C-alpha atoms as a PDB file:
ATOM      1  CA  MET A   1      83.461  65.241 130.135  1.00  0.00           C
ATOM      2  CA  PHE A   2      83.495  68.403 128.205  1.00  0.00           C
ATOM      3  CA  ASN A   3      86.319  68.723 125.625  1.00  0.00           C
ATOM      4  CA  PRO A   4      87.031  72.442 125.180  1.00  0.00           C
ATOM      5  CA  ASN A   5      88.500  71.659 121.880  1.00  0.00           C
ATOM      6  CA  TYR A   6      86.008  71.724 119.120  1.00  0.00           C
ATOM      7  CA  ILE A   7      85.761  71.187 115.490  1.00  0.00           C
ATOM      8  CA  MET A   8      83.342  73.311 113.368  1.00  0.00           C
ATOM      9  CA  VAL A   9      81.117  71.251 111.099  1.00  0.00           C
ATOM     10  CA  SER A  10      78.729  73.221 108.792  1.00  0.00           C
ATOM     11  CA  GLY A  11      75.081  72.158 108.774  1.00  0.00           C
ATOM     12  CA  HIS A  12      74.729  72.132 105.013  1.00  0.00           C
ATOM     13  CA  ASN A  13      77.860  69.859 104.419  1.00  0.00           C
ATOM     14  CA  GLN A  14      76.489  66.464 104.410  1.00  0.00           C
ATOM     15  CA  LYS A  15      79.975  64.787 103.845  1.00  0.00           C
ATOM     16  CA  HIS A  16      81.361  66.548 106.749  1.00  0.00           C
ATOM     17  CA  LEU A  17      78.294  65.701 108.948  1.00  0.00           C
ATOM     18  CA  SER A  18      78.712  62.057 108.252  1.00  0.00           C
ATOM     19  CA  LYS A  19      82.086  61.844 109.684  1.00  0.00           C
ATOM     20  CA  ILE A  20      81.540  63.276 113.186  1.00  0.00           C
ATOM     21  CA  THR A  21      81.607  59.988 114.790  1.00  0.00           C
ATOM     22  CA  SER A  22      85.335  59.766 113.954  1.00  0.00           C
ATOM     23  CA  LEU A  23      86.465  62.996 115.592  1.00  0.00           C
ATOM     24  CA  ASN A  24      87.781  63.166 119.088  1.00  0.00           C
ATOM     25  CA  GLY A  25      86.540  66.513 120.265  1.00  0.00           C
ATOM     26  CA  THR A  26      83.462  68.385 120.878  1.00  0.00           C
ATOM     27  CA  ILE A  27      81.510  68.688 117.613  1.00  0.00           C
ATOM     28  CA  MET A  28      80.179  72.317 116.947  1.00  0.00           C
ATOM     29  CA  LEU A  29      77.339  72.017 114.433  1.00  0.00           C
ATOM     30  CA  ASN A  30      77.124  75.255 112.543  1.00  0.00           C
ATOM     31  CA  LEU A  31      74.079  77.289 111.436  1.00  0.00           C
ATOM     32  CA  GLU A  32      75.764  80.665 111.388  1.00  0.00           C
ATOM     33  CA  ASP A  33      78.812  81.926 109.748  1.00  0.00           C
ATOM     34  CA  GLY A  34      80.015  79.515 106.937  1.00  0.00           C
ATOM     35  CA  VAL A  35      76.523  78.504 105.986  1.00  0.00           C
ATOM     36  CA  PRO A  36      75.210  80.258 102.986  1.00  0.00           C
ATOM     37  CA  ARG A  37      71.821  82.270 103.747  1.00  0.00           C
ATOM     38  CA  HIS A  38      70.035  80.412 101.050  1.00  0.00           C
ATOM     39  CA  LEU A  39      71.123  77.000 102.631  1.00  0.00           C
ATOM     40  CA  LYS A  40      70.198  77.783 106.282  1.00  0.00           C
ATOM     41  CA  LYS A  41      66.934  76.114 106.325  1.00  0.00           C
ATOM     42  CA  SER A  42      68.345  72.776 104.688  1.00  0.00           C
ATOM     43  CA  ALA A  43      71.260  73.115 107.193  1.00  0.00           C
ATOM     44  CA  LEU A  44      68.734  73.106 110.011  1.00  0.00           C
ATOM     45  CA  GLU A  45      67.008  70.187 108.502  1.00  0.00           C
ATOM     46  CA  ASN A  46      70.236  68.142 108.211  1.00  0.00           C
ATOM     47  CA  ILE A  47      71.248  68.701 111.738  1.00  0.00           C
ATOM     48  CA  ILE A  48      67.837  67.684 113.009  1.00  0.00           C
ATOM     49  CA  GLN A  49      68.083  64.450 110.880  1.00  0.00           C
ATOM     50  CA  LEU A  50      71.513  63.927 112.554  1.00  0.00           C
ATOM     51  CA  LEU A  51      70.506  64.369 116.028  1.00  0.00           C
ATOM     52  CA  GLN A  52      67.578  62.003 115.692  1.00  0.00           C
ATOM     53  CA  THR A  53      70.103  59.319 115.130  1.00  0.00           C
ATOM     54  CA  LYS A  54      71.438  60.148 118.707  1.00  0.00           C
ATOM     55  CA  PRO A  55      75.031  60.316 118.052  1.00  0.00           C
ATOM     56  CA  ASN A  56      77.144  59.437 120.951  1.00  0.00           C
ATOM     57  CA  LYS A  57      78.987  62.745 120.791  1.00  0.00           C
ATOM     58  CA  ASP A  58      79.162  65.956 122.797  1.00  0.00           C
ATOM     59  CA  ILE A  59      77.444  68.363 120.397  1.00  0.00           C
ATOM     60  CA  VAL A  60      76.946  72.069 120.564  1.00  0.00           C
ATOM     61  CA  VAL A  61      74.850  73.914 117.802  1.00  0.00           C
ATOM     62  CA  ARG A  62      75.960  77.352 117.049  1.00  0.00           C
ATOM     63  CA  VAL A  63      72.678  79.004 116.047  1.00  0.00           C
ATOM     64  CA  ASN A  64      72.347  82.250 114.179  1.00  0.00           C
ATOM     65  CA  ALA A  65      72.112  85.429 116.132  1.00  0.00           C
ATOM     66  CA  ILE A  66      68.834  85.760 118.023  1.00  0.00           C
ATOM     67  CA  ASP A  67      67.601  88.650 116.194  1.00  0.00           C
ATOM     68  CA  ASP A  68      68.180  86.600 112.800  1.00  0.00           C
ATOM     69  CA  GLY A  69      66.518  83.492 113.287  1.00  0.00           C
ATOM     70  CA  GLY A  70      68.443  82.085 116.256  1.00  0.00           C
ATOM     71  CA  LEU A  71      65.428  81.810 118.630  1.00  0.00           C
ATOM     72  CA  ASP A  72      63.356  79.785 115.939  1.00  0.00           C
ATOM     73  CA  GLU A  73      66.460  77.541 115.615  1.00  0.00           C
ATOM     74  CA  ILE A  74      66.605  77.107 119.413  1.00  0.00           C
ATOM     75  CA  ALA A  75      62.892  76.113 119.585  1.00  0.00           C
ATOM     76  CA  ALA A  76      63.367  73.718 116.737  1.00  0.00           C
ATOM     77  CA  LEU A  77      66.292  71.852 118.406  1.00  0.00           C
ATOM     78  CA  ASN A  78      65.488  72.027 121.977  1.00  0.00           C
ATOM     79  CA  GLU A  79      64.197  68.554 122.273  1.00  0.00           C
ATOM     80  CA  PHE A  80      67.568  67.145 121.628  1.00  0.00           C
ATOM     81  CA  ASP A  81      70.721  66.411 123.988  1.00  0.00           C
ATOM     82  CA  ILE A  82      72.764  69.244 122.917  1.00  0.00           C
ATOM     83  CA  SER A  83      74.204  72.536 124.001  1.00  0.00           C
ATOM     84  CA  PHE A  84      73.495  76.021 122.165  1.00  0.00           C
ATOM     85  CA  ARG A  85      76.186  78.539 121.311  1.00  0.00           C
ATOM     86  CA  ILE A  86      74.746  82.011 120.894  1.00  0.00           C
ATOM     87  CA  PRO A  87      76.597  84.414 118.616  1.00  0.00           C
ATOM     88  CA  LYS A  88      76.717  88.129 118.324  1.00  0.00           C
ATOM     89  CA  ILE A  89      75.346  88.692 121.783  1.00  0.00           C
ATOM     90  CA  ARG A  90      75.291  92.231 122.898  1.00  0.00           C
ATOM     91  CA  LEU A  91      73.025  92.567 125.788  1.00  0.00           C
ATOM     92  CA  VAL A  92      72.128  90.669 128.926  1.00  0.00           C
ATOM     93  CA  GLU A  93      68.318  91.083 127.848  1.00  0.00           C
ATOM     94  CA  GLN A  94      69.111  88.965 124.881  1.00  0.00           C
ATOM     95  CA  LEU A  95      70.227  86.078 127.135  1.00  0.00           C
ATOM     96  CA  ASP A  96      67.106  86.423 129.021  1.00  0.00           C
ATOM     97  CA  GLU A  97      65.203  85.785 125.684  1.00  0.00           C
ATOM     98  CA  VAL A  98      67.135  82.638 125.223  1.00  0.00           C
ATOM     99  CA  CYS A  99      66.604  81.270 128.655  1.00  0.00           C
ATOM    100  CA  LYS A 100      62.980  81.570 128.376  1.00  0.00           C
ATOM    101  CA  LEU A 101      63.164  79.094 125.591  1.00  0.00           C
ATOM    102  CA  THR A 102      65.681  76.485 126.847  1.00  0.00           C
ATOM    103  CA  ASP A 103      67.105  75.281 129.905  1.00  0.00           C
ATOM    104  CA  LYS A 104      70.065  73.747 128.051  1.00  0.00           C
ATOM    105  CA  GLU A 105      73.640  74.465 128.700  1.00  0.00           C
ATOM    106  CA  LEU A 106      74.522  77.758 126.923  1.00  0.00           C
ATOM    107  CA  HIS A 107      77.816  78.792 125.317  1.00  0.00           C
ATOM    108  CA  LEU A 108      78.387  82.393 124.251  1.00  0.00           C
ATOM    109  CA  SER A 109      80.528  83.811 121.336  1.00  0.00           C
ATOM    110  CA  ILE A 110      82.241  86.864 122.710  1.00  0.00           C
ATOM    111  CA  GLU A 111      82.648  88.912 119.590  1.00  0.00           C
ATOM    112  CA  THR A 112      80.898  92.320 120.061  1.00  0.00           C
ATOM    113  CA  LYS A 113      82.441  95.182 121.891  1.00  0.00           C
ATOM    114  CA  GLU A 114      79.578  95.326 124.431  1.00  0.00           C
ATOM    115  CA  ALA A 115      79.970  91.660 125.197  1.00  0.00           C
ATOM    116  CA  PHE A 116      83.791  91.800 125.560  1.00  0.00           C
ATOM    117  CA  PHE A 117      84.031  95.056 127.527  1.00  0.00           C
ATOM    118  CA  HIS A 118      81.042  94.119 129.827  1.00  0.00           C
ATOM    119  CA  LEU A 119      81.565  90.325 130.149  1.00  0.00           C
ATOM    120  CA  GLN A 120      81.172  90.350 133.930  1.00  0.00           C
ATOM    121  CA  GLN A 121      77.483  91.070 133.197  1.00  0.00           C
ATOM    122  CA  PHE A 122      76.866  87.787 131.563  1.00  0.00           C
ATOM    123  CA  LYS A 123      76.627  85.650 134.892  1.00  0.00           C
ATOM    124  CA  HIS A 124      73.979  82.841 134.540  1.00  0.00           C
ATOM    125  CA  PRO A 125      74.031  79.265 135.756  1.00  0.00           C
ATOM    126  CA  GLN A 126      73.266  77.979 132.263  1.00  0.00           C
ATOM    127  CA  ILE A 127      76.429  79.387 130.627  1.00  0.00           C
ATOM    128  CA  ARG A 128      79.188  76.767 130.295  1.00  0.00           C
ATOM    129  CA  ALA A 129      81.689  78.424 127.933  1.00  0.00           C
ATOM    130  CA  PHE A 130      82.814  81.746 126.282  1.00  0.00           C
ATOM    131  CA  TYR A 131      84.348  81.626 122.917  1.00  0.00           C
ATOM    132  CA  LEU A 132      86.568  84.527 121.715  1.00  0.00           C
ATOM    133  CA  GLY A 133      85.636  85.638 118.329  1.00  0.00           C
ATOM    134  CA  ILE A 134      88.744  87.696 117.732  1.00  0.00           C
ATOM    135  CA  LEU A 135      88.175  88.433 114.059  1.00  0.00           C
ATOM    136  CA  ASP A 136      84.771  89.856 114.534  1.00  0.00           C
ATOM    137  CA  LEU A 137      85.795  91.693 117.488  1.00  0.00           C
ATOM    138  CA  PHE A 138      88.646  93.470 115.675  1.00  0.00           C
ATOM    139  CA  ASP A 139      85.989  94.418 113.024  1.00  0.00           C
ATOM    140  CA  GLU A 140      83.920  95.950 115.619  1.00  0.00           C
ATOM    141  CA  LEU A 141      86.766  97.810 117.030  1.00  0.00           C
ATOM    142  CA  ARG A 142      87.771  98.941 113.480  1.00  0.00           C
ATOM    143  CA  LEU A 143      91.146  97.328 113.850  1.00  0.00           C
ATOM    144  CA  SER A 144      92.966  95.534 110.969  1.00  0.00           C
ATOM    145  CA  HIS A 145      93.319  91.692 111.220  1.00  0.00           C
ATOM    146  CA  GLU A 146      96.893  92.174 110.326  1.00  0.00           C
ATOM    147  CA  LEU A 147      97.299  93.209 113.873  1.00  0.00           C
ATOM    148  CA  ILE A 148      96.589  89.725 114.985  1.00  0.00           C
ATOM    149  CA  THR A 149     100.280  88.636 115.261  1.00  0.00           C
ATOM    150  CA  PHE A 150     102.239  86.318 117.734  1.00  0.00           C
ATOM    151  CA  ASP A 151     104.084  89.445 119.282  1.00  0.00           C
ATOM    152  CA  ASN A 152     101.267  92.095 119.328  1.00  0.00           C
ATOM    153  CA  PRO A 153     100.922  93.010 122.964  1.00  0.00           C
ATOM    154  CA  LEU A 154      97.351  94.162 122.085  1.00  0.00           C
ATOM    155  CA  VAL A 155      96.322  90.618 121.248  1.00  0.00           C
ATOM    156  CA  LEU A 156      97.960  89.323 124.387  1.00  0.00           C
ATOM    157  CA  HIS A 157      96.001  91.878 126.479  1.00  0.00           C
ATOM    158  CA  ILE A 158      92.817  90.783 124.841  1.00  0.00           C
ATOM    159  CA  LEU A 159      93.495  87.234 125.684  1.00  0.00           C
ATOM    160  CA  VAL A 160      94.449  87.743 129.248  1.00  0.00           C
ATOM    161  CA  GLU A 161      91.345  90.138 129.835  1.00  0.00           C
ATOM    162  CA  PHE A 162      88.953  87.421 128.275  1.00  0.00           C
ATOM    163  CA  VAL A 163      90.578  84.709 130.484  1.00  0.00           C
ATOM    164  CA  LEU A 164      90.396  86.585 133.847  1.00  0.00           C
ATOM    165  CA  LYS A 165      86.787  87.786 133.322  1.00  0.00           C
ATOM    166  CA  SER A 166      85.805  84.338 132.249  1.00  0.00           C
ATOM    167  CA  LEU A 167      87.354  82.507 135.163  1.00  0.00           C
ATOM    168  CA  TYR A 168      85.957  85.231 137.589  1.00  0.00           C
ATOM    169  CA  LEU A 169      82.376  83.979 136.300  1.00  0.00           C
ATOM    170  CA  ASP A 170      83.250  80.276 136.473  1.00  0.00           C
ATOM    171  CA  VAL A 171      83.066  79.989 132.785  1.00  0.00           C
ATOM    172  CA  VAL A 172      85.380  78.090 130.555  1.00  0.00           C
ATOM    173  CA  PRO A 173      87.296  80.428 128.271  1.00  0.00           C
ATOM    174  CA  ILE A 174      87.810  79.041 124.660  1.00  0.00           C
ATOM    175  CA  GLY A 175      90.239  80.645 122.241  1.00  0.00           C
ATOM    176  CA  PHE A 176      89.927  81.782 118.734  1.00  0.00           C
ATOM    177  CA  VAL A 177      89.832  79.820 115.579  1.00  0.00           C
ATOM    178  CA  TYR A 178      93.137  80.108 113.284  1.00  0.00           C
ATOM    179  CA  GLN A 179      91.759  80.456 109.801  1.00  0.00           C
ATOM    180  CA  GLN A 180      94.966  79.463 107.989  1.00  0.00           C
ATOM    181  CA  TYR A 181      94.043  75.842 108.298  1.00  0.00           C
ATOM    182  CA  LYS A 182      96.948  74.531 106.428  1.00  0.00           C
ATOM    183  CA  ASP A 183      99.559  76.369 108.329  1.00  0.00           C
ATOM    184  CA  LEU A 184      99.714  73.863 111.312  1.00  0.00           C
ATOM    185  CA  ASP A 185     103.002  75.353 112.550  1.00  0.00           C
ATOM    186  CA  GLY A 186     101.304  78.712 113.153  1.00  0.00           C
ATOM    187  CA  PHE A 187      98.213  76.934 114.659  1.00  0.00           C
ATOM    188  CA  ARG A 188     100.437  75.101 117.034  1.00  0.00           C
ATOM    189  CA  ARG A 189     102.177  78.299 118.046  1.00  0.00           C
ATOM    190  CA  TRP A 190      98.951  79.945 118.623  1.00  0.00           C
ATOM    191  CA  CYS A 191      97.703  77.119 120.749  1.00  0.00           C
ATOM    192  CA  ASP A 192     100.935  77.407 122.855  1.00  0.00           C
ATOM    193  CA  ILE A 193     100.421  81.229 123.368  1.00  0.00           C
ATOM    194  CA  GLN A 194      96.620  80.856 124.285  1.00  0.00           C
ATOM    195  CA  ARG A 195      97.290  77.948 126.591  1.00  0.00           C
ATOM    196  CA  GLN A 196     100.151  80.054 128.421  1.00  0.00           C
ATOM    197  CA  VAL A 197      97.524  82.634 129.540  1.00  0.00           C
ATOM    198  CA  GLY A 198      94.869  80.143 130.678  1.00  0.00           C
ATOM    199  CA  ILE A 199      92.684  79.617 127.560  1.00  0.00           C
ATOM    200  CA  ARG A 200      91.352  76.004 127.987  1.00  0.00           C
ATOM    201  CA  GLY A 201      90.865  75.070 124.405  1.00  0.00           C
ATOM    202  CA  VAL A 202      90.451  76.470 120.801  1.00  0.00           C
ATOM    203  CA  GLY A 203      88.103  76.040 117.896  1.00  0.00           C
ATOM    204  CA  CYS A 204      89.362  73.921 114.965  1.00  0.00           C
ATOM    205  CA  ILE A 205      88.516  73.792 111.080  1.00  0.00           C
ATOM    206  CA  THR A 206      90.264  70.337 110.454  1.00  0.00           C
ATOM    207  CA  PRO A 207      90.913  67.171 112.037  1.00  0.00           C
ATOM    208  CA  ALA A 208      94.694  67.907 111.857  1.00  0.00           C
ATOM    209  CA  GLN A 209      94.282  71.190 114.008  1.00  0.00           C
ATOM    210  CA  LEU A 210      91.955  69.086 116.474  1.00  0.00           C
ATOM    211  CA  GLU A 211      94.615  66.498 116.907  1.00  0.00           C
ATOM    212  CA  ILE A 212      97.193  69.189 117.669  1.00  0.00           C
ATOM    213  CA  ALA A 213      94.901  71.050 120.018  1.00  0.00           C
ATOM    214  CA  ASN A 214      93.959  67.728 122.007  1.00  0.00           C
ATOM    215  CA  LYS A 215      97.786  67.254 122.414  1.00  0.00           C
ATOM    216  CA  ILE A 216      98.563  70.828 123.621  1.00  0.00           C
ATOM    217  CA  PHE A 217      95.455  71.534 125.721  1.00  0.00           C
ATOM    218  CA  ILE A 218      94.470  68.126 127.065  1.00  0.00           C
ATOM    219  CA  GLN A 219      96.958  65.159 126.773  1.00  0.00           C
ATOM    220  CA  SER A 220     100.208  66.821 127.760  1.00  0.00           C
ATOM    221  CA  ASP A 221      98.552  68.335 130.703  1.00  0.00           C
ATOM    222  CA  LYS A 222      96.909  65.351 132.121  1.00  0.00           C
ATOM    223  CA  LYS A 223     100.099  63.088 131.745  1.00  0.00           C
ATOM    224  CA  TYR A 224     102.181  65.432 133.622  1.00  0.00           C
ATOM    225  CA  ALA A 225      99.626  66.368 136.211  1.00  0.00           C
ATOM    226  CA  LYS A 226      98.975  62.574 136.882  1.00  0.00           C
ATOM    227  CA  MET A 227     102.703  62.121 137.486  1.00  0.00           C
ATOM    228  CA  ILE A 228     102.819  65.004 140.099  1.00  0.00           C
ATOM    229  CA  VAL A 229      99.624  64.006 141.787  1.00  0.00           C
ATOM    230  CA  ASP A 230     100.513  60.308 142.129  1.00  0.00           C
ATOM    231  CA  ARG A 231     104.041  60.989 143.315  1.00  0.00           C
ATOM    232  CA  PHE A 232     102.831  63.553 145.915  1.00  0.00           C
ATOM    233  CA  GLU A 233     100.146  61.173 147.228  1.00  0.00           C
ATOM    234  CA  LYS A 234     102.746  58.440 147.523  1.00  0.00           C
ATOM    235  CA  GLU A 235     105.747  60.385 148.809  1.00  0.00           C
ATOM    236  CA  GLY A 236     104.587  63.740 150.110  1.00  0.00           C
ATOM    237  CA  PRO A 237     106.561  66.786 149.206  1.00  0.00           C
ATOM    238  CA  PHE A 238     109.102  66.387 146.721  1.00  0.00           C
ATOM    239  CA  THR A 239     111.507  68.335 144.149  1.00  0.00           C
ATOM    240  CA  ILE A 240     111.388  67.848 140.379  1.00  0.00           C
ATOM    241  CA  ASP A 241     113.279  69.767 137.734  1.00  0.00           C
ATOM    242  CA  GLY A 242     113.931  72.491 140.283  1.00  0.00           C
ATOM    243  CA  LEU A 243     110.293  72.713 141.336  1.00  0.00           C
ATOM    244  CA  TYR A 244     109.480  72.194 145.027  1.00  0.00           C
ATOM    245  CA  VAL A 245     106.010  70.311 145.047  1.00  0.00           C
ATOM    246  CA  ASP A 246     104.354  70.969 148.179  1.00  0.00           C
ATOM    247  CA  GLU A 247     100.467  71.019 149.117  1.00  0.00           C
ATOM    248  CA  PRO A 248      99.466  74.066 147.069  1.00  0.00           C
ATOM    249  CA  ILE A 249     101.361  72.759 143.970  1.00  0.00           C
ATOM    250  CA  TYR A 250      99.811  69.287 144.397  1.00  0.00           C
ATOM    251  CA  LYS A 251      96.284  70.795 144.795  1.00  0.00           C
ATOM    252  CA  ASN A 252      96.665  72.754 141.617  1.00  0.00           C
ATOM    253  CA  TYR A 253      97.636  69.944 139.438  1.00  0.00           C
ATOM    254  CA  LEU A 254      94.867  67.811 141.054  1.00  0.00           C
ATOM    255  CA  LEU A 255      92.509  70.372 139.333  1.00  0.00           C
ATOM    256  CA  HIS A 256      93.564  69.084 135.834  1.00  0.00           C
ATOM    257  CA  LEU A 257      92.384  65.573 136.815  1.00  0.00           C
ATOM    258  CA  THR A 258      89.268  66.328 138.674  1.00  0.00           C
ATOM    259  CA  PRO A 259      86.131  66.953 136.532  1.00  0.00           C
ATOM    260  CA  SER A 260      83.789  69.538 137.956  1.00  0.00           C
ATOM    261  CA  SER A 261      81.231  72.114 136.780  1.00  0.00           C
ATOM    262  CA  THR A 262      83.791  74.928 137.432  1.00  0.00           C
ATOM    263  CA  SER A 263      85.832  76.356 134.639  1.00  0.00           C
ATOM    264  CA  GLY A 264      89.076  75.661 136.373  1.00  0.00           C
ATOM    265  CA  ASN A 265      88.201  71.743 136.435  1.00  0.00           C
ATOM    266  CA  THR A 266      87.227  70.803 133.007  1.00  0.00           C
ATOM    267  CA  ASP A 267      88.610  67.968 130.879  1.00  0.00           C
ATOM    268  CA  PHE A 268      91.951  69.529 130.101  1.00  0.00           C
END
């Protein structure tokens, strides 16, 4: 099942590529940001070599923007059992270009103002997930990154709008990467905030971040949900910690345990 927590692994870093089998999350093989331009060709070759070994992992490849080599990268990788993440998308017509090349599952980076404010237009059966690229979005809006704080209502508004529009389209909403990878307390706090508004998972830079994200978005949810579901199916309606668990409550927790193609029923 699709794990909405992912770890970014740059295609030019052979050392990191060799360790993906030990990671418990979706592997995001990166050809875009984070790969120096002069190393993009060798990064693509490295990823092809890796995929030829058929690693038993859920792999998404983040290609470059479709007007900056992305279409060629999709063509080169289309034979493999992977999904594609498309960055910097602005227009639905760009999505049409991608779909002419591949019938693979698609993930879109929502980091341009056109994509964010017109997200409802990006409805397509191949799309599985949206990723909020908050740093790029702030750049587009000419907003300082210093505004991305825990208590800024603007950030909360962006998160809520992103989640609601994603779920309207039945697409998994995935939160932003926390760049300060050594600040695990800050990362944990951002995970809690994003989870509370309906984000299903986040991007991770290190295995330590991935471990935290899995606990916050997956393990804790599933354990509690299983307890609620099992007890309701055995006893019927009951009360726990001041919560009256009846049929609607039971059905909602059942979503946490039932894999499906819809965004509300992913592995979280």
